[in-house]
Amino acid sequence: MKFLNQLGDAVKDVKELAKSKASVVKDLTADAAQEVKVLAKEKVADVKAKSADAAQEVKVLVKEKTADVKAKSADAAHDVNELVKAKSADVAKDLEATLKVKAEELKQKAREVKDITADAAKDITETVKEKSAGAAKDIRAKVAEKTESKENVEVPSEAVATEGGEKTK
């Protein structure tokens, strides 16, 4: 019995020790849980702060990149404008040169038309002179012919004498 009593006492001692250790474990667990909660809060606050810093850095970086893009866009727009101006000037020069060539061609055509017109006027004048001279010659010939035939008709009448020796017409 003594052994049983000792065994019973040992079991009691173990139970009390287990209770005491369970209480210590419980306290340690509660303390650890509290420490984990505090540490988690600190880490959450730290993560929030780092996230806020990172967000701020991203904002700053986005602003910088936006400014860079705007500057590059402005530079590109300026370059495009300069290129357009240069091309426009080239096109204007080409157009001006083409217009000068066309103006010269038109002047040459005008000279040719003037020469043709002058030649035609000369030809017309000569033709009119020739025709006029021919017509005048024909008219003179007809007038001369009519005058001759009139004179021929008048001559016999002049030759007729009156009894008194006077000629009558």
Foldseek 3Di string as FASTA:
>chain_A
DVVVVVVVVVVVVVVVVVVVVVVVVVVVVVVVVVVVVVVVVVVVVVVVVVVVVVVVVVVVVVVVVVVVVVVVVVVVVVVVVVVVVVVVVVVVVVVVVVVVVVVVVVVVVVVVVVVVVVVVVVVVVVVCVVVVVVVVVVVVVVVVVVVVVVVVVVVVQQVDADPVRHGDD
